[in-house]
């Protein structure tokens, strides 16, 4: 996880002038018309690096190509999102995934459990998630975890994999304090997105719970644009609005 560690181990206050967007879907077709400009705006806003998420085998390959075009600035991940778990076959797809992971990926994922939408059967989600956690353990890579309405199963798998030496991040986190503590206890990170700028957000205590050295921020672009850009296509340059909101909740400054 060194691309994250080398930035975030320095503390929270540096983020406004020098930050990493820990989760952006820059391979998404939403950026096909102006991707280079989006990346340039991120640099101008102070980004040191962008983590380009591969949430499927196809997007992982596109993310890899983007990273190769922007060395030492874009880094990519490779995984299978829980929405697509129903079509994931360990025998067929895991070798291709591991090929992408061995080809320079910095993390496994986005993977995890989504019991809110249940786009894939829960058993299939768990099997795909467990296969990717095992790949992370064998390849000594961190994992990028999506979890929604799946607290008990996520907690159990985070704890068991964490005790086996796997580290990772709970991305776009909106879960319970108990799940956040469990992740922190086994050395994981917790990442917040523009959701915390929305009027419906009420859990500032959660934002204060995360230690500085376990805290990440993300855009989740093109989704979840922070206020005052809510409803627009999101981009990494707007991470600063999430940082501002974190600073208010944590009773510190963002500069």
Protein backbone atom coordinates (compact mmCIF):
# COMPACT_ATOMS: atom_id res chain seq x y z
CA UNK A 1 0.00 0.00 0.00
CA UNK A 2 3.03 2.25 -0.35
CA UNK A 3 1.43 4.67 -2.79
CA UNK A 4 -1.04 5.52 -0.04
CA UNK A 5 1.39 5.23 2.86
CA UNK A 6 3.95 7.62 1.51
CA UNK A 7 1.34 10.35 1.51
CA UNK A 8 -0.98 9.70 4.40
CA UNK A 9 1.58 8.76 7.03
CA UNK A 10 2.53 12.45 7.01
CA UNK A 11 -0.74 13.48 8.63
CA UNK A 12 -4.05 15.08 7.80
CA UNK A 13 -3.30 18.78 7.50
CA UNK A 14 -1.22 18.47 4.31
CA UNK A 15 -4.17 17.31 2.22
CA UNK A 16 -5.37 20.63 0.83
CA UNK A 17 -2.14 21.37 -1.02
CA UNK A 18 -0.93 17.83 -1.64
CA UNK A 19 -3.34 14.91 -1.74
CA UNK A 20 -4.03 11.48 -3.16
CA UNK A 21 -7.45 10.59 -4.50
CA UNK A 22 -7.64 7.04 -3.22
CA UNK A 23 -10.56 5.96 -5.42
CA UNK A 24 -11.55 7.28 -8.85
CA UNK A 25 -13.16 5.48 -11.79
CA UNK A 26 -11.18 7.31 -14.44
CA UNK A 27 -11.63 4.50 -16.96
CA UNK A 28 -15.37 5.15 -16.90
CA UNK A 29 -16.91 6.23 -20.24
CA UNK A 30 -18.13 9.42 -18.52
CA UNK A 31 -14.58 10.74 -19.00
CA UNK A 32 -14.10 9.69 -22.61
CA UNK A 33 -14.59 13.23 -23.90
CA UNK A 34 -12.16 15.07 -21.62
CA UNK A 35 -10.14 12.58 -19.57
CA UNK A 36 -6.82 14.39 -20.10
CA UNK A 37 -8.35 17.67 -18.96
CA UNK A 38 -9.80 16.01 -15.84
CA UNK A 39 -6.37 14.62 -14.97
CA UNK A 40 -4.77 18.02 -15.60
CA UNK A 41 -7.27 19.71 -13.29
CA UNK A 42 -6.47 17.17 -10.59
CA UNK A 43 -2.78 17.98 -10.88
CA UNK A 44 -3.53 21.70 -10.73
CA UNK A 45 -5.63 21.15 -7.59
CA UNK A 46 -2.66 19.54 -5.84
CA UNK A 47 -3.05 15.83 -6.51
CA UNK A 48 0.13 13.82 -6.10
CA UNK A 49 -1.49 10.64 -7.34
CA UNK A 50 -4.82 9.18 -8.44
CA UNK A 51 -5.84 5.59 -7.81
CA UNK A 52 -7.73 4.44 -10.91
CA UNK A 53 -10.14 1.69 -9.92
CA UNK A 54 -10.68 -1.41 -12.02
CA UNK A 55 -13.98 -2.85 -10.83
CA UNK A 56 -14.18 -5.45 -13.60
CA UNK A 57 -11.69 -7.33 -15.73
CA UNK A 58 -12.41 -5.01 -18.66
CA UNK A 59 -12.11 -1.76 -16.69
CA UNK A 60 -8.96 -3.04 -14.98
CA UNK A 61 -7.31 -3.36 -18.37
CA UNK A 62 -8.38 0.17 -19.32
CA UNK A 63 -7.17 1.46 -15.95
CA UNK A 64 -3.83 -0.26 -16.50
CA UNK A 65 -3.44 1.46 -19.87
CA UNK A 66 -4.25 4.84 -18.31
CA UNK A 67 -1.67 4.28 -15.60
CA UNK A 68 0.96 3.46 -18.20
CA UNK A 69 0.19 6.75 -19.94
CA UNK A 70 0.65 8.70 -16.67
CA UNK A 71 3.54 7.00 -14.86
CA UNK A 72 4.12 7.90 -11.22
CA UNK A 73 0.83 9.79 -11.11
CA UNK A 74 -1.91 7.30 -12.00
CA UNK A 75 -1.92 3.90 -10.33
CA UNK A 76 -4.47 1.18 -10.97
CA UNK A 77 -6.31 -1.60 -9.20
CA UNK A 78 -7.96 -4.75 -10.54
CA UNK A 79 -10.95 -6.58 -9.14
CA UNK A 80 -14.55 -7.68 -9.57
CA UNK A 81 -17.34 -5.60 -8.04
CA UNK A 82 -20.01 -7.44 -6.04
CA UNK A 83 -22.63 -6.38 -8.59
CA UNK A 84 -20.82 -8.61 -11.10
CA UNK A 85 -20.15 -11.53 -8.78
CA UNK A 86 -22.85 -13.70 -10.35
CA UNK A 87 -20.84 -13.94 -13.56
CA UNK A 88 -17.47 -14.39 -11.84
CA UNK A 89 -15.91 -17.85 -12.05
CA UNK A 90 -12.77 -18.47 -10.02
CA UNK A 91 -11.66 -21.20 -12.42
CA UNK A 92 -12.18 -19.04 -15.52
CA UNK A 93 -11.64 -15.46 -14.32
CA UNK A 94 -9.16 -15.63 -11.44
CA UNK A 95 -6.15 -16.35 -13.69
CA UNK A 96 -6.98 -13.30 -15.83
CA UNK A 97 -7.46 -11.18 -12.72
CA UNK A 98 -4.16 -12.34 -11.26
CA UNK A 99 -2.44 -11.55 -14.55
CA UNK A 100 -3.68 -7.96 -14.23
CA UNK A 101 -2.63 -7.84 -10.59
CA UNK A 102 0.86 -9.08 -11.42
CA UNK A 103 1.03 -6.51 -14.21
CA UNK A 104 1.48 -3.55 -11.90
CA UNK A 105 -1.79 -3.22 -10.00
CA UNK A 106 -1.43 -1.60 -6.58
CA UNK A 107 -4.45 -3.29 -5.01
CA UNK A 108 -7.18 -5.88 -5.49
CA UNK A 109 -10.60 -4.41 -6.05
CA UNK A 110 -13.02 -2.89 -6.06
CA UNK A 111 -14.49 -6.00 -4.48
CA UNK A 112 -16.76 -6.68 -1.53
CA UNK A 113 -20.41 -7.14 -0.60
CA UNK A 114 -23.51 -5.18 -1.54
CA UNK A 115 -26.67 -6.48 0.13
CA UNK A 116 -28.53 -3.23 -0.59
CA UNK A 117 -29.00 -3.77 -4.31
CA UNK A 118 -28.35 -7.52 -4.33
CA UNK A 119 -27.51 -7.41 -8.03
CA UNK A 120 -25.77 -10.75 -7.51
CA UNK A 121 -26.82 -13.55 -5.14
CA UNK A 122 -25.23 -13.11 -1.74
CA UNK A 123 -23.50 -16.47 -1.85
CA UNK A 124 -21.91 -15.54 -5.18
CA UNK A 125 -20.82 -12.20 -3.70
CA UNK A 126 -19.17 -13.88 -0.73
CA UNK A 127 -17.44 -16.45 -2.91
CA UNK A 128 -16.06 -13.80 -5.27
CA UNK A 129 -14.97 -11.62 -2.35
CA UNK A 130 -13.25 -14.50 -0.57
CA UNK A 131 -11.44 -15.50 -3.77
CA UNK A 132 -10.13 -11.94 -4.16
CA UNK A 133 -9.11 -11.70 -0.51
CA UNK A 134 -7.15 -14.92 -0.97
CA UNK A 135 -5.49 -13.51 -4.09
CA UNK A 136 -4.56 -10.40 -2.12
CA UNK A 137 -3.00 -12.55 0.59
CA UNK A 138 -1.00 -14.63 -1.88
CA UNK A 139 0.15 -11.64 -3.93
CA UNK A 140 0.72 -9.44 -0.86
CA UNK A 141 -1.52 -6.68 -2.15
CA UNK A 142 -4.07 -4.55 -0.28
CA UNK A 143 -7.77 -4.71 -1.09
CA UNK A 144 -10.26 -1.98 -1.95
CA UNK A 145 -13.56 -2.96 -0.35
CA UNK A 146 -17.10 -1.92 -1.24
CA UNK A 147 -19.61 -2.70 1.49
CA UNK A 148 -23.26 -1.73 1.75
CA UNK A 149 -25.84 -3.20 4.13
CA UNK A 150 -23.53 -6.16 4.69
CA UNK A 151 -22.00 -5.28 8.05
CA UNK A 152 -21.78 -8.71 9.69
CA UNK A 153 -20.31 -10.57 6.73
CA UNK A 154 -17.94 -7.72 5.87
CA UNK A 155 -16.71 -7.48 9.45
CA UNK A 156 -16.07 -11.23 9.64
CA UNK A 157 -14.11 -11.26 6.39
CA UNK A 158 -12.15 -8.11 7.20
CA UNK A 159 -11.13 -9.54 10.57
CA UNK A 160 -10.19 -12.98 9.24
CA UNK A 161 -8.23 -11.62 6.29
CA UNK A 162 -6.63 -8.90 8.40
CA UNK A 163 -5.40 -11.50 10.86
CA UNK A 164 -3.97 -13.41 7.91
CA UNK A 165 -1.90 -10.37 6.94
CA UNK A 166 -4.15 -8.73 4.36
CA UNK A 167 -4.58 -4.97 4.59
CA UNK A 168 -6.95 -2.71 2.71
CA UNK A 169 -9.40 0.16 2.71
CA UNK A 170 -13.14 0.39 3.30
CA UNK A 171 -13.94 2.80 0.50
CA UNK A 172 -16.71 5.43 0.45
CA UNK A 173 -17.45 4.41 4.01
CA UNK A 174 -20.89 5.04 5.52
CA UNK A 175 -21.04 2.04 7.82
CA UNK A 176 -21.09 1.56 11.57
CA UNK A 177 -18.55 2.58 14.16
CA UNK A 178 -18.10 -1.10 15.02
CA UNK A 179 -17.10 -1.99 11.47
CA UNK A 180 -14.73 0.98 11.29
CA UNK A 181 -13.09 -0.05 14.57
CA UNK A 182 -12.75 -3.64 13.39
CA UNK A 183 -10.97 -2.48 10.24
CA UNK A 184 -8.68 -0.16 12.15
CA UNK A 185 -7.86 -2.89 14.67
CA UNK A 186 -6.38 -5.07 11.92
CA UNK A 187 -4.49 -2.20 10.29
CA UNK A 188 -6.92 -1.21 7.57
CA UNK A 189 -7.81 2.24 6.27
CA UNK A 190 -11.18 3.99 6.09
CA UNK A 191 -11.96 6.35 3.21
CA UNK A 192 -14.63 9.03 2.93
CA UNK A 193 -16.19 10.53 -0.18
CA UNK A 194 -18.39 13.50 -1.05
CA UNK A 195 -21.29 11.81 0.74
CA UNK A 196 -20.13 13.48 3.94
CA UNK A 197 -20.90 16.90 2.41
CA UNK A 198 -24.57 16.02 1.78
CA UNK A 199 -27.32 17.40 4.00
CA UNK A 200 -28.40 13.89 4.96
CA UNK A 201 -25.00 13.15 6.55
CA UNK A 202 -25.31 13.19 10.34
CA UNK A 203 -22.50 11.00 11.71
CA UNK A 204 -19.64 13.40 12.35
CA UNK A 205 -18.63 11.22 15.29
CA UNK A 206 -17.60 8.59 12.75
CA UNK A 207 -15.39 11.13 10.99
CA UNK A 208 -13.66 11.85 14.29
CA UNK A 209 -13.25 8.17 15.13
CA UNK A 210 -10.69 7.40 12.43
CA UNK A 211 -7.04 8.04 13.42
CA UNK A 212 -5.10 10.37 11.15
CA UNK A 213 -2.86 7.55 9.93
CA UNK A 214 -5.84 5.36 8.95
CA UNK A 215 -7.81 8.09 7.16
CA UNK A 216 -8.12 8.36 3.38
CA UNK A 217 -10.20 10.57 1.11
CA UNK A 218 -11.59 9.86 -2.33
CA UNK A 219 -13.69 11.29 -5.11
CA UNK A 220 -15.34 8.04 -6.30
CA UNK A 221 -15.54 9.98 -9.56
CA UNK A 222 -17.62 10.20 -11.69
CA UNK A 223 -20.08 9.51 -8.85
CA UNK A 224 -21.01 11.36 -5.64
CA UNK A 225 -19.85 14.88 -6.44
CA UNK A 226 -19.53 16.86 -3.21
CA UNK A 227 -21.53 19.94 -2.38
CA UNK A 228 -21.44 22.51 -4.06
CA UNK A 229 -21.15 20.34 -7.19
CA UNK A 230 -23.70 17.71 -6.21
CA UNK A 231 -25.58 16.35 -9.21
CA UNK A 232 -22.71 16.97 -11.61
CA UNK A 233 -20.18 14.50 -12.92
CA UNK A 234 -17.60 14.24 -10.17
CA UNK A 235 -13.85 14.56 -10.67
CA UNK A 236 -10.73 14.24 -8.48
CA UNK A 237 -10.06 17.99 -8.36
CA UNK A 238 -13.09 18.36 -6.07
CA UNK A 239 -11.69 16.19 -3.27
CA UNK A 240 -10.90 19.45 -1.45
CA UNK A 241 -14.58 19.93 -0.59
CA UNK A 242 -14.61 16.57 1.17
CA UNK A 243 -11.43 17.50 2.99
CA UNK A 244 -13.01 20.78 4.13
CA UNK A 245 -15.97 18.89 5.55
CA UNK A 246 -13.66 16.44 7.33
CA UNK A 247 -11.77 19.34 8.85
CA UNK A 248 -14.98 20.82 10.25
CA UNK A 249 -16.04 17.50 11.74
CA UNK A 250 -12.59 16.78 13.16
CA UNK A 251 -12.34 20.33 14.52
CA UNK A 252 -9.09 21.09 12.79
CA UNK A 253 -8.03 22.96 9.65
CA UNK A 254 -7.62 21.75 6.10
CA UNK A 255 -4.51 23.79 5.34
